[in-house]
Amino acid sequence: MEISDLISSEMVVANLRATSKKQVLQDLSRRASDATGLHERAIFDVLMERERLGTTGVGDGIAIPHGKLPDLDRLHGHFARLEQPVDFQSIDERPVDLIFLLLAPESAGADHLKALAKVSRVLRDGNICEKLRGTDTSDALYALLTGSIENQAA
């Protein structure tokens, strides 16, 4: 599995405007709804339920919100670089500006965990994150994300 199996360039947003964690998740839920055909509210509710279990703000300005949905046919990813960082109640208490949303079918099992591990591995690379933060176009963000995952898998 490669990052390009999870996202396309249309699922990458540069300079997303949001002022809160809730607003970020609402916006990404809407975008995920457009891409998957699932109800925006169902996606948002799954993400908020996961956040109540514990923050998906993993530190260093990064969040990886994720959830499982019964009517999803495959793994879906969405990436956003925020125009301004927002409080995500991250483990290091730093605001978040890089967000990778991952949605999985309820039956995904190990594939969901493998996808989370790949995304996490890429976003733990400080050089990649620095480049993502310095990039202003969705296409360039997509190229960085897909190139970095494939290079690390080699």
C-alpha atoms as a PDB file:
ATOM      1  CA  MET A   1       0.000   0.000   0.000  1.00  0.00           C
ATOM      2  CA  GLU A   2       1.283   3.427  -0.988  1.00  0.00           C
ATOM      3  CA  ILE A   3       0.061   6.861   0.038  1.00  0.00           C
ATOM      4  CA  SER A   4      -1.203   7.293  -3.523  1.00  0.00           C
ATOM      5  CA  ASP A   5      -3.607   4.413  -2.783  1.00  0.00           C
ATOM      6  CA  LEU A   6      -5.152   6.574  -0.059  1.00  0.00           C
ATOM      7  CA  ILE A   7      -5.286  10.037  -1.614  1.00  0.00           C
ATOM      8  CA  SER A   8      -5.404  11.766  -4.960  1.00  0.00           C
ATOM      9  CA  SER A   9      -4.333  15.333  -5.642  1.00  0.00           C
ATOM     10  CA  GLU A  10      -8.006  16.375  -5.383  1.00  0.00           C
ATOM     11  CA  MET A  11      -7.985  15.215  -1.754  1.00  0.00           C
ATOM     12  CA  VAL A  12      -5.143  17.548  -0.761  1.00  0.00           C
ATOM     13  CA  VAL A  13      -5.815  21.099   0.416  1.00  0.00           C
ATOM     14  CA  ALA A  14      -3.254  23.863   0.812  1.00  0.00           C
ATOM     15  CA  ASN A  15      -4.048  26.815   3.082  1.00  0.00           C
ATOM     16  CA  LEU A  16      -7.244  25.472   4.634  1.00  0.00           C
ATOM     17  CA  ARG A  17      -8.875  28.209   6.712  1.00  0.00           C
ATOM     18  CA  ALA A  18     -10.198  27.130  10.083  1.00  0.00           C
ATOM     19  CA  THR A  19     -10.188  28.574  13.574  1.00  0.00           C
ATOM     20  CA  SER A  20     -10.857  25.442  15.633  1.00  0.00           C
ATOM     21  CA  LYS A  21     -10.434  21.685  15.693  1.00  0.00           C
ATOM     22  CA  LYS A  22     -14.200  21.289  15.217  1.00  0.00           C
ATOM     23  CA  GLN A  23     -14.158  23.550  12.168  1.00  0.00           C
ATOM     24  CA  VAL A  24     -11.248  21.591  10.650  1.00  0.00           C
ATOM     25  CA  LEU A  25     -13.060  18.296  11.164  1.00  0.00           C
ATOM     26  CA  GLN A  26     -16.300  19.735   9.742  1.00  0.00           C
ATOM     27  CA  ASP A  27     -14.511  20.962   6.618  1.00  0.00           C
ATOM     28  CA  LEU A  28     -12.661  17.685   6.110  1.00  0.00           C
ATOM     29  CA  SER A  29     -15.886  15.735   6.734  1.00  0.00           C
ATOM     30  CA  ARG A  30     -17.584  17.745   3.983  1.00  0.00           C
ATOM     31  CA  ARG A  31     -14.720  17.067   1.589  1.00  0.00           C
ATOM     32  CA  ALA A  32     -14.702  13.374   2.512  1.00  0.00           C
ATOM     33  CA  SER A  33     -18.466  13.241   1.976  1.00  0.00           C
ATOM     34  CA  ASP A  34     -18.041  14.685  -1.511  1.00  0.00           C
ATOM     35  CA  ALA A  35     -15.378  12.069  -2.301  1.00  0.00           C
ATOM     36  CA  THR A  36     -17.113   9.033  -0.789  1.00  0.00           C
ATOM     37  CA  GLY A  37     -20.821   9.756  -1.126  1.00  0.00           C
ATOM     38  CA  LEU A  38     -21.307   9.154   2.597  1.00  0.00           C
ATOM     39  CA  HIS A  39     -23.211  11.605   4.769  1.00  0.00           C
ATOM     40  CA  GLU A  40     -21.069  14.446   6.075  1.00  0.00           C
ATOM     41  CA  ARG A  41     -22.635  14.155   9.539  1.00  0.00           C
ATOM     42  CA  ALA A  42     -21.834  10.423   9.776  1.00  0.00           C
ATOM     43  CA  ILE A  43     -18.179  11.128   8.979  1.00  0.00           C
ATOM     44  CA  PHE A  44     -18.007  14.041  11.410  1.00  0.00           C
ATOM     45  CA  ASP A  45     -19.640  12.007  14.197  1.00  0.00           C
ATOM     46  CA  VAL A  46     -17.129   9.155  13.770  1.00  0.00           C
ATOM     47  CA  LEU A  47     -14.229  11.609  13.896  1.00  0.00           C
ATOM     48  CA  MET A  48     -15.567  13.380  16.984  1.00  0.00           C
ATOM     49  CA  GLU A  49     -16.196  10.045  18.701  1.00  0.00           C
ATOM     50  CA  ARG A  50     -12.559   9.114  18.069  1.00  0.00           C
ATOM     51  CA  GLU A  51     -11.380  12.485  19.419  1.00  0.00           C
ATOM     52  CA  ARG A  52     -13.367  11.880  22.623  1.00  0.00           C
ATOM     53  CA  LEU A  53     -11.380   8.655  23.146  1.00  0.00           C
ATOM     54  CA  GLY A  54      -8.136  10.621  22.915  1.00  0.00           C
ATOM     55  CA  THR A  55      -6.660  13.317  20.764  1.00  0.00           C
ATOM     56  CA  THR A  56      -5.335  12.488  17.324  1.00  0.00           C
ATOM     57  CA  GLY A  57      -2.970  15.446  17.638  1.00  0.00           C
ATOM     58  CA  VAL A  58       0.264  13.444  17.730  1.00  0.00           C
ATOM     59  CA  GLY A  59       2.646  16.341  18.340  1.00  0.00           C
ATOM     60  CA  ASP A  60       4.958  18.576  16.311  1.00  0.00           C
ATOM     61  CA  GLY A  61       1.977  20.350  14.726  1.00  0.00           C
ATOM     62  CA  ILE A  62       0.549  17.135  13.249  1.00  0.00           C
ATOM     63  CA  ALA A  63      -2.851  15.468  13.623  1.00  0.00           C
ATOM     64  CA  ILE A  64      -4.049  12.197  12.118  1.00  0.00           C
ATOM     65  CA  PRO A  65      -7.808  12.054  12.734  1.00  0.00           C
ATOM     66  CA  HIS A  66      -9.250   8.709  11.710  1.00  0.00           C
ATOM     67  CA  GLY A  67     -12.303   6.534  11.955  1.00  0.00           C
ATOM     68  CA  LYS A  68     -14.144   3.540  10.569  1.00  0.00           C
ATOM     69  CA  LEU A  69     -17.442   3.713   8.720  1.00  0.00           C
ATOM     70  CA  PRO A  70     -19.766   0.813   7.822  1.00  0.00           C
ATOM     71  CA  ASP A  71     -20.654   1.921   4.279  1.00  0.00           C
ATOM     72  CA  LEU A  72     -17.151   2.797   3.104  1.00  0.00           C
ATOM     73  CA  ASP A  73     -15.786   0.634   0.290  1.00  0.00           C
ATOM     74  CA  ARG A  74     -12.061   1.283   0.767  1.00  0.00           C
ATOM     75  CA  LEU A  75      -9.526   3.393   2.678  1.00  0.00           C
ATOM     76  CA  HIS A  76      -9.809   7.126   1.973  1.00  0.00           C
ATOM     77  CA  GLY A  77      -7.312   9.804   2.914  1.00  0.00           C
ATOM     78  CA  HIS A  78      -7.426  13.591   2.875  1.00  0.00           C
ATOM     79  CA  PHE A  79      -4.555  15.935   3.670  1.00  0.00           C
ATOM     80  CA  ALA A  80      -4.746  19.588   4.662  1.00  0.00           C
ATOM     81  CA  ARG A  81      -2.173  22.198   5.503  1.00  0.00           C
ATOM     82  CA  LEU A  82      -3.864  24.867   7.564  1.00  0.00           C
ATOM     83  CA  GLU A  83      -3.412  28.540   6.823  1.00  0.00           C
ATOM     84  CA  GLN A  84      -3.043  29.125  10.582  1.00  0.00           C
ATOM     85  CA  PRO A  85      -2.414  26.437  13.215  1.00  0.00           C
ATOM     86  CA  VAL A  86      -5.324  25.503  15.502  1.00  0.00           C
ATOM     87  CA  ASP A  87      -5.500  23.986  18.964  1.00  0.00           C
ATOM     88  CA  PHE A  88      -6.037  20.229  18.613  1.00  0.00           C
ATOM     89  CA  GLN A  89      -5.416  19.310  22.271  1.00  0.00           C
ATOM     90  CA  SER A  90      -2.236  17.623  20.999  1.00  0.00           C
ATOM     91  CA  ILE A  91      -0.106  15.500  23.291  1.00  0.00           C
ATOM     92  CA  ASP A  92       2.643  18.157  23.216  1.00  0.00           C
ATOM     93  CA  GLU A  93       0.087  21.006  23.509  1.00  0.00           C
ATOM     94  CA  ARG A  94       1.363  22.586  20.254  1.00  0.00           C
ATOM     95  CA  PRO A  95      -1.190  23.817  17.722  1.00  0.00           C
ATOM     96  CA  VAL A  96      -1.665  21.759  14.564  1.00  0.00           C
ATOM     97  CA  ASP A  97      -1.167  22.846  10.956  1.00  0.00           C
ATOM     98  CA  LEU A  98      -0.672  19.499   9.143  1.00  0.00           C
ATOM     99  CA  ILE A  99      -3.622  17.107   9.122  1.00  0.00           C
ATOM    100  CA  PHE A 100      -3.992  13.730   7.454  1.00  0.00           C
ATOM    101  CA  LEU A 101      -7.545  12.388   7.719  1.00  0.00           C
ATOM    102  CA  LEU A 102      -7.915   8.635   7.258  1.00  0.00           C
ATOM    103  CA  LEU A 103     -11.249   6.871   6.872  1.00  0.00           C
ATOM    104  CA  ALA A 104     -11.578   3.101   6.685  1.00  0.00           C
ATOM    105  CA  PRO A 105     -14.319   0.532   6.204  1.00  0.00           C
ATOM    106  CA  GLU A 106     -15.321  -1.183   9.448  1.00  0.00           C
ATOM    107  CA  SER A 107     -13.926  -4.392   7.955  1.00  0.00           C
ATOM    108  CA  ALA A 108     -10.497  -2.896   7.177  1.00  0.00           C
ATOM    109  CA  GLY A 109      -8.729  -4.475  10.156  1.00  0.00           C
ATOM    110  CA  ALA A 110      -4.968  -4.578   9.620  1.00  0.00           C
ATOM    111  CA  ASP A 111      -5.107  -2.403   6.482  1.00  0.00           C
ATOM    112  CA  HIS A 112      -6.364   0.516   8.585  1.00  0.00           C
ATOM    113  CA  LEU A 113      -3.471   0.080  11.022  1.00  0.00           C
ATOM    114  CA  LYS A 114      -0.929  -0.283   8.196  1.00  0.00           C
ATOM    115  CA  ALA A 115      -2.195   2.916   6.586  1.00  0.00           C
ATOM    116  CA  LEU A 116      -2.014   4.784   9.913  1.00  0.00           C
ATOM    117  CA  ALA A 117       1.538   3.522  10.417  1.00  0.00           C
ATOM    118  CA  LYS A 118       2.635   4.689   6.943  1.00  0.00           C
ATOM    119  CA  VAL A 119       1.099   8.119   7.368  1.00  0.00           C
ATOM    120  CA  SER A 120       2.636   8.445  10.820  1.00  0.00           C
ATOM    121  CA  ARG A 121       6.064   7.392   9.576  1.00  0.00           C
ATOM    122  CA  VAL A 122       6.060  10.026   6.838  1.00  0.00           C
ATOM    123  CA  LEU A 123       4.802  12.821   9.060  1.00  0.00           C
ATOM    124  CA  ARG A 124       7.392  12.053  11.750  1.00  0.00           C
ATOM    125  CA  ASP A 125      10.101  13.090   9.268  1.00  0.00           C
ATOM    126  CA  GLY A 126      10.980  16.677  10.161  1.00  0.00           C
ATOM    127  CA  ASN A 127      12.414  17.411   6.705  1.00  0.00           C
ATOM    128  CA  ILE A 128       9.213  16.329   4.990  1.00  0.00           C
ATOM    129  CA  CYS A 129       7.076  18.375   7.380  1.00  0.00           C
ATOM    130  CA  GLU A 130       9.249  21.431   6.807  1.00  0.00           C
ATOM    131  CA  LYS A 131       8.740  21.067   3.042  1.00  0.00           C
ATOM    132  CA  LEU A 132       4.990  20.542   3.495  1.00  0.00           C
ATOM    133  CA  ARG A 133       4.795  23.725   5.561  1.00  0.00           C
ATOM    134  CA  GLY A 134       6.714  25.657   2.897  1.00  0.00           C
ATOM    135  CA  THR A 135       4.531  24.540  -0.007  1.00  0.00           C
ATOM    136  CA  ASP A 136       1.593  26.599  -1.242  1.00  0.00           C
ATOM    137  CA  THR A 137      -0.118  24.352  -3.786  1.00  0.00           C
ATOM    138  CA  SER A 138      -2.148  21.188  -3.411  1.00  0.00           C
ATOM    139  CA  ASP A 139      -0.299  19.523  -6.290  1.00  0.00           C
ATOM    140  CA  ALA A 140       3.079  20.176  -4.657  1.00  0.00           C
ATOM    141  CA  LEU A 141       1.804  18.877  -1.307  1.00  0.00           C
ATOM    142  CA  TYR A 142       0.526  15.742  -3.038  1.00  0.00           C
ATOM    143  CA  ALA A 143       3.867  15.218  -4.779  1.00  0.00           C
ATOM    144  CA  LEU A 144       5.739  15.571  -1.483  1.00  0.00           C
ATOM    145  CA  LEU A 145       3.414  13.162   0.318  1.00  0.00           C
ATOM    146  CA  THR A 146       3.427  10.487  -2.349  1.00  0.00           C
ATOM    147  CA  GLY A 147       7.133  10.773  -3.087  1.00  0.00           C
ATOM    148  CA  SER A 148       8.117  10.602   0.560  1.00  0.00           C
ATOM    149  CA  ILE A 149       6.023   7.533   1.277  1.00  0.00           C
ATOM    150  CA  GLU A 150       7.371   5.672  -1.741  1.00  0.00           C
ATOM    151  CA  ASN A 151      10.962   6.645  -0.937  1.00  0.00           C
ATOM    152  CA  GLN A 152      10.635   5.479   2.669  1.00  0.00           C
ATOM    153  CA  ALA A 153       9.086   2.176   1.608  1.00  0.00           C
ATOM    154  CA  ALA A 154      12.126   1.369  -0.540  1.00  0.00           C
END
